[in-house]
C-alpha atoms as a PDB file:
ATOM      1  CA  MET A   1     -13.953 -68.277 -89.056  1.00  0.00           C
ATOM      2  CA  PRO A   2     -17.510 -69.496 -87.635  1.00  0.00           C
ATOM      3  CA  CYS A   3     -17.840 -72.642 -85.280  1.00  0.00           C
ATOM      4  CA  ALA A   4     -19.465 -75.678 -86.451  1.00  0.00           C
ATOM      5  CA  LEU A   5     -21.545 -76.025 -83.493  1.00  0.00           C
ATOM      6  CA  ASP A   6     -22.406 -72.430 -83.769  1.00  0.00           C
ATOM      7  CA  ASP A   7     -23.644 -73.449 -87.237  1.00  0.00           C
ATOM      8  CA  ARG A   8     -25.700 -76.143 -85.888  1.00  0.00           C
ATOM      9  CA  ARG A   9     -27.549 -74.728 -83.488  1.00  0.00           C
ATOM     10  CA  ARG A  10     -28.400 -71.881 -85.578  1.00  0.00           C
ATOM     11  CA  ARG A  11     -30.191 -74.343 -88.207  1.00  0.00           C
ATOM     12  CA  GLU A  12     -31.515 -76.561 -85.551  1.00  0.00           C
ATOM     13  CA  PRO A  13     -34.740 -75.013 -83.702  1.00  0.00           C
ATOM     14  CA  ALA A  14     -34.500 -73.920 -79.901  1.00  0.00           C
ATOM     15  CA  ALA A  15     -37.146 -76.567 -78.661  1.00  0.00           C
ATOM     16  CA  ARG A  16     -34.568 -78.982 -79.739  1.00  0.00           C
ATOM     17  CA  TRP A  17     -31.948 -77.908 -77.060  1.00  0.00           C
ATOM     18  CA  ASN A  18     -32.927 -79.266 -73.590  1.00  0.00           C
ATOM     19  CA  GLY A  19     -31.527 -76.155 -71.481  1.00  0.00           C
ATOM     20  CA  ALA A  20     -33.268 -73.643 -69.618  1.00  0.00           C
ATOM     21  CA  PHE A  21     -30.791 -71.094 -71.253  1.00  0.00           C
ATOM     22  CA  GLU A  22     -32.257 -71.978 -74.662  1.00  0.00           C
ATOM     23  CA  ILE A  23     -35.865 -71.988 -73.567  1.00  0.00           C
ATOM     24  CA  MET A  24     -35.270 -68.493 -72.391  1.00  0.00           C
ATOM     25  CA  VAL A  25     -33.218 -67.554 -75.635  1.00  0.00           C
ATOM     26  CA  SER A  26     -36.649 -68.146 -77.626  1.00  0.00           C
ATOM     27  CA  MET A  27     -38.851 -66.643 -75.059  1.00  0.00           C
ATOM     28  CA  ASN A  28     -41.025 -63.442 -75.779  1.00  0.00           C
ATOM     29  CA  PRO A  29     -38.762 -60.875 -74.071  1.00  0.00           C
ATOM     30  CA  ALA A  30     -42.087 -59.632 -72.073  1.00  0.00           C
ATOM     31  CA  ARG A  31     -42.723 -62.712 -70.535  1.00  0.00           C
ATOM     32  CA  LYS A  32     -38.907 -63.125 -69.934  1.00  0.00           C
ATOM     33  CA  ARG A  33     -39.277 -60.155 -67.859  1.00  0.00           C
ATOM     34  CA  THR A  34     -42.290 -61.221 -66.063  1.00  0.00           C
ATOM     35  CA  VAL A  35     -40.926 -64.360 -65.256  1.00  0.00           C
ATOM     36  CA  ARG A  36     -37.472 -62.426 -63.872  1.00  0.00           C
ATOM     37  CA  LEU A  37     -39.795 -60.290 -61.634  1.00  0.00           C
ATOM     38  CA  VAL A  38     -41.655 -62.958 -60.160  1.00  0.00           C
ATOM     39  CA  VAL A  39     -38.468 -65.180 -59.381  1.00  0.00           C
ATOM     40  CA  ALA A  40     -36.905 -62.164 -57.947  1.00  0.00           C
ATOM     41  CA  LEU A  41     -40.078 -60.900 -55.701  1.00  0.00           C
ATOM     42  CA  SER A  42     -40.137 -64.387 -54.814  1.00  0.00           C
ATOM     43  CA  ALA A  43     -36.503 -64.492 -53.708  1.00  0.00           C
ATOM     44  CA  ALA A  44     -37.307 -61.397 -51.619  1.00  0.00           C
ATOM     45  CA  VAL A  45     -40.609 -62.748 -49.884  1.00  0.00           C
ATOM     46  CA  VAL A  46     -38.494 -66.066 -48.631  1.00  0.00           C
ATOM     47  CA  LEU A  47     -35.268 -63.877 -47.548  1.00  0.00           C
ATOM     48  CA  ALA A  48     -37.572 -61.409 -45.505  1.00  0.00           C
ATOM     49  CA  SER A  49     -39.869 -64.282 -44.054  1.00  0.00           C
ATOM     50  CA  ALA A  50     -36.556 -65.799 -42.978  1.00  0.00           C
ATOM     51  CA  LEU A  51     -35.069 -62.443 -41.448  1.00  0.00           C
ATOM     52  CA  ILE A  52     -38.633 -61.816 -39.536  1.00  0.00           C
ATOM     53  CA  TYR A  53     -38.386 -65.467 -38.390  1.00  0.00           C
ATOM     54  CA  THR A  54     -34.932 -65.275 -37.201  1.00  0.00           C
ATOM     55  CA  SER A  55     -34.878 -61.920 -35.266  1.00  0.00           C
ATOM     56  CA  PHE A  56     -38.368 -62.931 -33.356  1.00  0.00           C
ATOM     57  CA  SER A  57     -37.233 -66.538 -32.110  1.00  0.00           C
ATOM     58  CA  ALA A  58     -34.116 -65.254 -31.174  1.00  0.00           C
ATOM     59  CA  ALA A  59     -35.155 -62.420 -29.058  1.00  0.00           C
ATOM     60  CA  SER A  60     -35.619 -63.266 -25.219  1.00  0.00           C
ATOM     61  CA  PRO A  61     -38.651 -61.487 -23.249  1.00  0.00           C
ATOM     62  CA  ALA A  62     -37.517 -58.915 -21.117  1.00  0.00           C
ATOM     63  CA  LEU A  63     -39.125 -59.758 -17.212  1.00  0.00           C
ATOM     64  CA  SER A  64     -39.062 -58.226 -14.153  1.00  0.00           C
ATOM     65  CA  PRO A  65     -37.930 -60.347 -10.831  1.00  0.00           C
ATOM     66  CA  SER A  66     -41.536 -61.720  -9.723  1.00  0.00           C
ATOM     67  CA  GLN A  67     -42.614 -62.311 -13.344  1.00  0.00           C
ATOM     68  CA  LEU A  68     -39.591 -64.140 -13.489  1.00  0.00           C
ATOM     69  CA  VAL A  69     -39.640 -65.919 -10.465  1.00  0.00           C
ATOM     70  CA  ARG A  70     -42.763 -67.367 -11.997  1.00  0.00           C
ATOM     71  CA  GLN A  71     -41.767 -68.233 -15.604  1.00  0.00           C
ATOM     72  CA  ALA A  72     -38.202 -69.470 -15.303  1.00  0.00           C
ATOM     73  CA  GLN A  73     -36.991 -72.809 -16.964  1.00  0.00           C
ATOM     74  CA  PRO A  74     -34.063 -74.104 -17.071  1.00  0.00           C
ATOM     75  CA  GLY A  75     -31.673 -73.808 -19.924  1.00  0.00           C
ATOM     76  CA  ARG A  76     -33.874 -71.030 -21.405  1.00  0.00           C
ATOM     77  CA  SER A  77     -32.164 -67.308 -21.090  1.00  0.00           C
ATOM     78  CA  TYR A  78     -34.373 -63.953 -20.055  1.00  0.00           C
ATOM     79  CA  GLN A  79     -33.370 -60.135 -19.991  1.00  0.00           C
ATOM     80  CA  LEU A  80     -33.719 -59.751 -16.242  1.00  0.00           C
ATOM     81  CA  THR A  81     -34.563 -55.917 -15.652  1.00  0.00           C
ATOM     82  CA  GLY A  82     -35.030 -53.952 -12.552  1.00  0.00           C
ATOM     83  CA  LYS A  83     -33.434 -51.909  -9.697  1.00  0.00           C
ATOM     84  CA  VAL A  84     -29.587 -53.095  -7.857  1.00  0.00           C
ATOM     85  CA  VAL A  85     -30.646 -53.925  -4.396  1.00  0.00           C
ATOM     86  CA  ASP A  86     -28.999 -51.552  -2.139  1.00  0.00           C
ATOM     87  CA  GLY A  87     -26.022 -53.813  -0.326  1.00  0.00           C
ATOM     88  CA  SER A  88     -26.472 -56.466  -2.608  1.00  0.00           C
ATOM     89  CA  VAL A  89     -23.073 -55.507  -4.185  1.00  0.00           C
ATOM     90  CA  ARG A  90     -19.983 -58.031  -3.703  1.00  0.00           C
ATOM     91  CA  HIS A  91     -17.132 -59.207  -5.476  1.00  0.00           C
ATOM     92  CA  VAL A  92     -16.174 -62.676  -5.485  1.00  0.00           C
ATOM     93  CA  GLY A  93     -13.005 -63.417  -7.649  1.00  0.00           C
ATOM     94  CA  ASN A  94     -14.508 -62.630 -11.464  1.00  0.00           C
ATOM     95  CA  THR A  95     -18.191 -62.783 -10.249  1.00  0.00           C
ATOM     96  CA  LEU A  96     -20.103 -59.796  -9.596  1.00  0.00           C
ATOM     97  CA  ASP A  97     -22.606 -60.687  -7.417  1.00  0.00           C
ATOM     98  CA  PHE A  98     -25.566 -58.533  -6.656  1.00  0.00           C
ATOM     99  CA  SER A  99     -29.376 -58.424  -6.544  1.00  0.00           C
ATOM    100  CA  VAL A 100     -32.341 -57.129  -8.597  1.00  0.00           C
ATOM    101  CA  ALA A 101     -36.059 -56.216  -7.337  1.00  0.00           C
ATOM    102  CA  ASP A 102     -38.776 -54.852  -8.983  1.00  0.00           C
ATOM    103  CA  ARG A 103     -39.058 -51.350  -9.407  1.00  0.00           C
ATOM    104  CA  ALA A 104     -41.486 -51.080  -6.716  1.00  0.00           C
ATOM    105  CA  GLY A 105     -39.900 -53.321  -4.415  1.00  0.00           C
ATOM    106  CA  GLY A 106     -41.213 -56.658  -3.485  1.00  0.00           C
ATOM    107  CA  THR A 107     -39.523 -59.842  -5.079  1.00  0.00           C
ATOM    108  CA  THR A 108     -35.563 -59.928  -5.531  1.00  0.00           C
ATOM    109  CA  ILE A 109     -33.630 -62.281  -7.327  1.00  0.00           C
ATOM    110  CA  PRO A 110     -29.762 -62.517  -7.149  1.00  0.00           C
ATOM    111  CA  VAL A 111     -27.495 -62.525 -10.039  1.00  0.00           C
ATOM    112  CA  ALA A 112     -24.081 -63.885 -10.657  1.00  0.00           C
ATOM    113  CA  TYR A 113     -22.559 -62.484 -13.468  1.00  0.00           C
ATOM    114  CA  THR A 114     -19.292 -62.368 -15.174  1.00  0.00           C
ATOM    115  CA  GLY A 115     -18.142 -60.135 -17.619  1.00  0.00           C
ATOM    116  CA  THR A 116     -17.726 -56.081 -18.262  1.00  0.00           C
ATOM    117  CA  ILE A 117     -19.350 -54.171 -16.005  1.00  0.00           C
ATOM    118  CA  PRO A 118     -20.696 -50.696 -16.877  1.00  0.00           C
ATOM    119  CA  ASP A 119     -19.338 -47.535 -15.407  1.00  0.00           C
ATOM    120  CA  PRO A 120     -22.551 -46.455 -13.714  1.00  0.00           C
ATOM    121  CA  PHE A 121     -23.394 -49.699 -12.382  1.00  0.00           C
ATOM    122  CA  ARG A 122     -24.552 -49.096  -8.666  1.00  0.00           C
ATOM    123  CA  GLU A 123     -26.671 -49.982  -6.108  1.00  0.00           C
ATOM    124  CA  GLY A 124     -30.205 -48.454  -6.721  1.00  0.00           C
ATOM    125  CA  ARG A 125     -30.028 -48.239 -10.672  1.00  0.00           C
ATOM    126  CA  GLU A 126     -31.934 -49.981 -13.116  1.00  0.00           C
ATOM    127  CA  VAL A 127     -30.242 -52.520 -14.960  1.00  0.00           C
ATOM    128  CA  ILE A 128     -30.917 -55.360 -17.857  1.00  0.00           C
ATOM    129  CA  VAL A 129     -29.093 -58.585 -18.039  1.00  0.00           C
ATOM    130  CA  THR A 130     -29.504 -61.598 -19.599  1.00  0.00           C
ATOM    131  CA  VAL A 131     -29.631 -64.353 -17.126  1.00  0.00           C
ATOM    132  CA  ASP A 132     -30.658 -68.426 -17.271  1.00  0.00           C
ATOM    133  CA  LYS A 133     -31.463 -70.855 -14.604  1.00  0.00           C
ATOM    134  CA  GLN A 134     -28.634 -72.986 -13.968  1.00  0.00           C
ATOM    135  CA  ASP A 135     -28.854 -75.619 -10.873  1.00  0.00           C
ATOM    136  CA  GLY A 136     -31.370 -73.374  -9.173  1.00  0.00           C
ATOM    137  CA  ARG A 137     -29.829 -69.935  -9.399  1.00  0.00           C
ATOM    138  CA  PHE A 138     -29.580 -67.482 -12.104  1.00  0.00           C
ATOM    139  CA  VAL A 139     -26.552 -66.996 -13.741  1.00  0.00           C
ATOM    140  CA  GLY A 140     -25.857 -63.823 -16.450  1.00  0.00           C
ATOM    141  CA  GLU A 141     -24.501 -64.140 -19.720  1.00  0.00           C
ATOM    142  CA  ARG A 142     -20.818 -62.658 -20.087  1.00  0.00           C
ATOM    143  CA  ASP A 143     -20.692 -58.894 -21.180  1.00  0.00           C
ATOM    144  CA  SER A 144     -24.663 -58.674 -21.252  1.00  0.00           C
ATOM    145  CA  LEU A 145     -25.049 -56.138 -18.412  1.00  0.00           C
ATOM    146  CA  ILE A 146     -26.635 -53.036 -19.446  1.00  0.00           C
ATOM    147  CA  THR A 147     -26.726 -49.821 -17.025  1.00  0.00           C
ATOM    148  CA  LYS A 148     -30.413 -47.547 -17.763  1.00  0.00           C
ATOM    149  CA  CYS A 149     -29.398 -44.041 -16.844  1.00  0.00           C
ATOM    150  CA  PRO A 150     -31.762 -41.959 -15.201  1.00  0.00           C
ATOM    151  CA  SER A 151     -33.577 -39.592 -17.610  1.00  0.00           C
ATOM    152  CA  LYS A 152     -32.177 -36.169 -18.153  1.00  0.00           C
ATOM    153  CA  TYR A 153     -35.696 -35.239 -18.641  1.00  0.00           C
ATOM    154  CA  LYS A 154     -37.461 -34.936 -15.173  1.00  0.00           C
ATOM    155  CA  ALA A 155     -40.186 -32.914 -13.971  1.00  0.00           C
ATOM    156  CA  ALA A 156     -38.692 -29.608 -13.139  1.00  0.00           C
ATOM    157  CA  PRO A 157     -39.685 -28.802  -9.337  1.00  0.00           C
ATOM    158  CA  ALA A 158     -42.124 -26.193  -9.209  1.00  0.00           C
ATOM    159  CA  GLY A 159     -41.856 -22.439 -10.013  1.00  0.00           C
ATOM    160  CA  GLU A 160     -38.386 -23.148 -11.874  1.00  0.00           C
ATOM    161  CA  LYS A 161     -38.218 -21.796 -14.765  1.00  0.00           C
ATOM    162  CA  GLN A 162     -38.213 -24.098 -18.094  1.00  0.00           C
ATOM    163  CA  ASN A 163     -36.515 -23.099 -21.738  1.00  0.00           C
ATOM    164  CA  TYR A 164     -38.109 -23.992 -24.445  1.00  0.00           C
END
């Protein structure tokens, strides 16, 4: 048994119904596909733009100790990269105190770090740690310490046979 509302909608033109759905029903199928494509592409562009903005705004610059001394601002985090200074590693309670120097030597920055310490961490090894300046000293973010492993693709000594 047909519904009275369905009969009324069939008899009255679609333009009298003010819903967007009713307009889409009466629209040309080719135009409907074009509208859907434009809406979908617009949504994709907005989402991609948001993703790109978020990824670039959240990144913290990787700086050497000499760059960090010149550029550091309180309340902002930075990725500090360099070599752990020989004789600088000390454990004080749950805090690991160590100093990071430029690869070529020179500027040294003391860091107070709490969190997981990677197994290959040791003096002379290159590290990356996220730090922020607090009360004039650099504090490492918890669990942000990464140890760079020495390259296994070093130049072979002269006269040593290389396998290709």
